[in-house]
């Protein structure tokens, strides 16, 4: 389980309270486990948009859809445990609580305090869901999938040309042509989902993987040493 650094906020500092759709409230400057709810997280990510909210489609792409895309890319690359899949799904979860996904070059301009806050929020979310923090190897593999997703979204969603992706955005990977999410969810390739669809699909996958992680944790090896066959929903 990842360690959660204590908040540097002084006792006199103003709290950054927001009211969540579930009725809970959260202090964004000092979040805790009890502040977090699956439905609030999913809806927040479905309402937070990639690429500064810009798109060549009628709708922008949500961080919820992006998170599912990265998860699907990692599934294509390797066999992942439920916990590893959860970590991929939750890799941008803090953005759903903030309602803000700054484009990567903007993040350093927001300062160390913002980056520290984002890191703390992600660690709280990982700890809530029992997800270990990234290993060096795991983070590197995730980053490759995240960059591949970004290169593909840049062309198919945001409208950049291949030449611009390489020479303006400085992303040097070959974008995907086939949308990995279409095979699972159908629809038009690369089309951003509605908030309702993104919310429903993210929440369903989050809760499915949480159930699979519990199943894996309580299912030990058989007498022969073999691991039991997972339920169909967890395959």
Protein backbone atom coordinates (compact mmCIF):
# COMPACT_ATOMS: atom_id res chain seq x y z
CA UNK A 1 0.00 0.00 0.00
CA UNK A 2 1.44 3.42 -0.89
CA UNK A 3 2.44 5.72 1.94
CA UNK A 4 0.51 8.97 2.09
CA UNK A 5 2.61 12.02 2.99
CA UNK A 6 1.14 14.36 5.58
CA UNK A 7 -0.33 17.59 4.33
CA UNK A 8 1.98 20.62 4.60
CA UNK A 9 -1.08 22.81 5.16
CA UNK A 10 -0.92 24.77 8.41
CA UNK A 11 -3.76 24.60 10.90
CA UNK A 12 -4.76 28.15 10.00
CA UNK A 13 -4.79 27.58 6.24
CA UNK A 14 -8.17 27.73 4.54
CA UNK A 15 -9.61 24.38 3.60
CA UNK A 16 -10.52 23.75 -0.06
CA UNK A 17 -13.93 22.14 0.43
CA UNK A 18 -16.06 20.93 -2.46
CA UNK A 19 -19.43 19.16 -2.28
CA UNK A 20 -19.58 15.93 -4.27
CA UNK A 21 -22.65 14.56 -6.09
CA UNK A 22 -23.06 11.79 -3.48
CA UNK A 23 -23.51 14.45 -0.79
CA UNK A 24 -20.05 13.88 0.64
CA UNK A 25 -17.60 16.74 0.94
CA UNK A 26 -13.87 16.64 0.39
CA UNK A 27 -11.07 19.00 1.34
CA UNK A 28 -8.98 18.96 -1.82
CA UNK A 29 -6.00 20.32 0.10
CA UNK A 30 -6.05 17.41 2.56
CA UNK A 31 -8.18 14.47 1.30
CA UNK A 32 -8.79 11.35 3.36
CA UNK A 33 -10.03 7.82 2.63
CA UNK A 34 -13.55 8.48 3.93
CA UNK A 35 -14.02 11.38 1.53
CA UNK A 36 -13.86 9.11 -1.52
CA UNK A 37 -16.80 7.34 -3.16
CA UNK A 38 -16.71 5.14 -6.29
CA UNK A 39 -19.58 6.99 -7.94
CA UNK A 40 -18.11 10.44 -7.25
CA UNK A 41 -14.78 9.36 -8.68
CA UNK A 42 -16.30 7.91 -11.85
CA UNK A 43 -18.55 10.90 -12.48
CA UNK A 44 -15.73 13.35 -11.80
CA UNK A 45 -13.50 11.62 -14.35
CA UNK A 46 -16.37 11.48 -16.88
CA UNK A 47 -16.81 15.25 -16.48
CA UNK A 48 -13.09 16.07 -16.73
CA UNK A 49 -11.75 16.43 -20.25
CA UNK A 50 -8.52 15.69 -22.06
CA UNK A 51 -6.70 18.03 -24.44
CA UNK A 52 -7.90 21.18 -22.74
CA UNK A 53 -11.48 20.21 -23.59
CA UNK A 54 -10.83 20.51 -27.34
CA UNK A 55 -11.84 17.91 -29.91
CA UNK A 56 -12.63 17.46 -33.61
CA UNK A 57 -15.74 15.57 -32.49
CA UNK A 58 -18.96 17.07 -31.10
CA UNK A 59 -17.75 16.13 -27.60
CA UNK A 60 -14.32 16.20 -25.94
CA UNK A 61 -12.73 13.01 -24.58
CA UNK A 62 -13.09 12.45 -20.86
CA UNK A 63 -10.34 11.31 -18.53
CA UNK A 64 -12.61 8.33 -17.74
CA UNK A 65 -12.47 7.18 -21.36
CA UNK A 66 -8.73 7.84 -21.53
CA UNK A 67 -8.19 5.76 -18.38
CA UNK A 68 -10.09 2.84 -19.88
CA UNK A 69 -8.07 3.24 -23.09
CA UNK A 70 -4.75 3.02 -21.24
CA UNK A 71 -6.02 -0.02 -19.34
CA UNK A 72 -7.03 -1.70 -22.61
CA UNK A 73 -3.63 -0.98 -24.16
CA UNK A 74 -1.86 -2.52 -21.17
CA UNK A 75 -4.12 -5.59 -21.43
CA UNK A 76 -3.06 -5.94 -25.06
CA UNK A 77 0.59 -5.85 -24.00
CA UNK A 78 0.60 -8.19 -21.00
CA UNK A 79 -1.47 -10.37 -18.69
CA UNK A 80 -2.28 -8.20 -15.67
CA UNK A 81 -3.59 -9.13 -12.25
CA UNK A 82 -6.77 -7.39 -11.02
CA UNK A 83 -4.66 -5.11 -8.81
CA UNK A 84 -2.39 -4.18 -11.72
CA UNK A 85 -5.46 -3.41 -13.82
CA UNK A 86 -6.89 -1.28 -11.02
CA UNK A 87 -3.67 0.71 -10.88
CA UNK A 88 -3.91 1.43 -14.59
CA UNK A 89 -7.57 2.40 -14.29
CA UNK A 90 -6.84 4.74 -11.38
CA UNK A 91 -3.69 6.31 -12.82
CA UNK A 92 -5.35 9.71 -13.34
CA UNK A 93 -8.04 9.38 -10.67
CA UNK A 94 -6.99 12.49 -8.77
CA UNK A 95 -7.98 14.57 -11.80
CA UNK A 96 -11.58 13.50 -11.30
CA UNK A 97 -11.60 14.98 -7.81
CA UNK A 98 -10.01 18.22 -8.99
CA UNK A 99 -12.05 18.39 -12.19
CA UNK A 100 -8.90 19.48 -13.99
CA UNK A 101 -6.55 17.72 -16.42
CA UNK A 102 -3.86 20.20 -17.43
CA UNK A 103 -1.94 19.35 -20.58
CA UNK A 104 1.48 17.96 -19.63
CA UNK A 105 3.63 20.98 -20.63
CA UNK A 106 1.47 23.18 -18.40
CA UNK A 107 2.02 21.16 -15.22
CA UNK A 108 5.52 22.50 -14.41
CA UNK A 109 4.19 26.05 -14.81
CA UNK A 110 1.62 25.38 -12.09
CA UNK A 111 4.43 24.93 -9.59
CA UNK A 112 5.72 22.40 -7.11
CA UNK A 113 2.80 22.90 -4.72
CA UNK A 114 0.33 21.76 -7.39
CA UNK A 115 2.45 18.73 -8.34
CA UNK A 116 2.79 17.79 -4.66
CA UNK A 117 -0.98 18.07 -4.21
CA UNK A 118 -1.63 15.85 -7.25
CA UNK A 119 0.83 13.24 -5.95
CA UNK A 120 -0.73 13.24 -2.50
CA UNK A 121 -4.23 12.84 -3.88
CA UNK A 122 -3.18 9.93 -6.08
CA UNK A 123 -1.51 8.21 -3.14
CA UNK A 124 -4.67 8.61 -1.03
CA UNK A 125 -6.76 7.07 -3.83
CA UNK A 126 -4.34 4.16 -4.32
CA UNK A 127 -4.30 3.53 -0.57
CA UNK A 128 -8.11 3.59 -0.37
CA UNK A 129 -8.39 0.89 -3.01
CA UNK A 130 -5.47 -1.17 -1.70
CA UNK A 131 -3.35 -0.56 -4.79
CA UNK A 132 0.44 -0.68 -4.27
CA UNK A 133 2.41 2.30 -5.47
CA UNK A 134 4.24 2.04 -8.78
CA UNK A 135 7.41 0.02 -9.03
CA UNK A 136 10.04 1.46 -11.35
CA UNK A 137 9.32 -1.21 -13.96
CA UNK A 138 5.56 -0.93 -13.60
CA UNK A 139 5.67 2.84 -13.95
CA UNK A 140 7.83 2.61 -17.08
CA UNK A 141 5.43 0.14 -18.71
CA UNK A 142 2.46 2.29 -17.77
CA UNK A 143 4.14 5.41 -19.14
CA UNK A 144 4.69 3.76 -22.52
CA UNK A 145 1.00 2.86 -22.72
CA UNK A 146 -0.01 6.34 -21.59
CA UNK A 147 2.17 7.97 -24.24
CA UNK A 148 0.80 5.61 -26.91
CA UNK A 149 -2.72 6.56 -25.87
CA UNK A 150 -1.80 10.25 -26.03
CA UNK A 151 -0.26 9.93 -29.51
CA UNK A 152 -3.37 8.14 -30.77
CA UNK A 153 -5.78 10.60 -29.14
CA UNK A 154 -3.79 13.52 -30.55
CA UNK A 155 -4.52 12.38 -34.10
CA UNK A 156 -7.94 10.75 -33.82
CA UNK A 157 -9.52 13.01 -31.19
CA UNK A 158 -7.67 16.33 -30.97
CA UNK A 159 -6.97 16.69 -34.70
CA UNK A 160 -3.17 16.95 -34.77
CA UNK A 161 -1.38 15.63 -37.86
CA UNK A 162 1.21 12.87 -37.60
CA UNK A 163 3.95 15.35 -38.40
CA UNK A 164 2.70 17.72 -35.69
CA UNK A 165 2.57 14.92 -33.13
CA UNK A 166 6.28 14.28 -33.71
CA UNK A 167 7.57 17.81 -34.22
CA UNK A 168 5.20 19.98 -32.20
CA UNK A 169 4.07 17.66 -29.40
CA UNK A 170 7.40 15.75 -29.48
CA UNK A 171 5.72 12.35 -29.12
CA UNK A 172 7.88 9.88 -30.99
CA UNK A 173 5.73 6.73 -30.95
CA UNK A 174 3.63 5.34 -33.77
CA UNK A 175 -0.06 6.04 -33.02
CA UNK A 176 -2.64 3.28 -33.05
CA UNK A 177 -5.02 3.07 -35.98
CA UNK A 178 -7.52 0.68 -34.40
CA UNK A 179 -9.35 1.91 -31.33
CA UNK A 180 -8.85 -0.75 -28.60
CA UNK A 181 -12.04 0.37 -26.84
CA UNK A 182 -14.27 -0.36 -29.83
CA UNK A 183 -13.72 -4.10 -29.43
CA UNK A 184 -15.04 -3.96 -25.89
CA UNK A 185 -17.70 -1.26 -26.08
CA UNK A 186 -18.63 -0.92 -29.76
CA UNK A 187 -19.51 2.44 -31.25
CA UNK A 188 -17.56 4.63 -33.66
CA UNK A 189 -13.76 4.27 -33.37
CA UNK A 190 -12.12 7.08 -31.39
CA UNK A 191 -15.35 8.99 -30.88
CA UNK A 192 -15.48 10.57 -27.42
CA UNK A 193 -18.24 9.14 -25.27
CA UNK A 194 -21.01 11.06 -23.61
CA UNK A 195 -20.58 11.87 -19.92
CA UNK A 196 -23.25 9.28 -19.13
CA UNK A 197 -21.51 6.49 -21.06
CA UNK A 198 -18.07 7.36 -19.71
CA UNK A 199 -19.39 7.44 -16.15
CA UNK A 200 -21.30 4.15 -16.47
CA UNK A 201 -18.43 2.28 -18.13
CA UNK A 202 -15.74 3.54 -15.78
CA UNK A 203 -17.79 2.81 -12.66
CA UNK A 204 -18.67 -0.69 -13.90
CA UNK A 205 -15.03 -1.51 -14.61
CA UNK A 206 -13.86 -0.08 -11.29
CA UNK A 207 -16.34 -2.15 -9.32
CA UNK A 208 -15.71 -5.28 -11.42
CA UNK A 209 -11.96 -5.05 -10.82
CA UNK A 210 -12.46 -4.40 -7.11
CA UNK A 211 -14.55 -7.58 -6.88
CA UNK A 212 -11.93 -9.51 -8.87
CA UNK A 213 -9.16 -8.24 -6.59
CA UNK A 214 -11.09 -9.49 -3.56
CA UNK A 215 -11.69 -12.85 -5.26
CA UNK A 216 -7.98 -13.18 -6.05
CA UNK A 217 -6.97 -12.30 -2.49
CA UNK A 218 -9.18 -14.96 -0.88
CA UNK A 219 -8.54 -17.71 -3.44
CA UNK A 220 -5.35 -19.48 -2.52
CA UNK A 221 -3.63 -22.26 -4.47
CA UNK A 222 -5.14 -25.75 -4.53
CA UNK A 223 -3.47 -28.75 -2.89
CA UNK A 224 -1.61 -29.37 -6.14
CA UNK A 225 -0.21 -25.85 -6.04
CA UNK A 226 -2.30 -24.63 -8.98
CA UNK A 227 -4.24 -21.41 -8.73
CA UNK A 228 -8.03 -21.75 -8.93
CA UNK A 229 -9.79 -20.73 -12.13
CA UNK A 230 -11.13 -17.19 -11.81
CA UNK A 231 -14.83 -16.55 -12.30
CA UNK A 232 -15.85 -15.68 -15.88
CA UNK A 233 -16.31 -11.98 -15.03
CA UNK A 234 -12.67 -11.77 -13.87
CA UNK A 235 -11.04 -13.33 -16.95
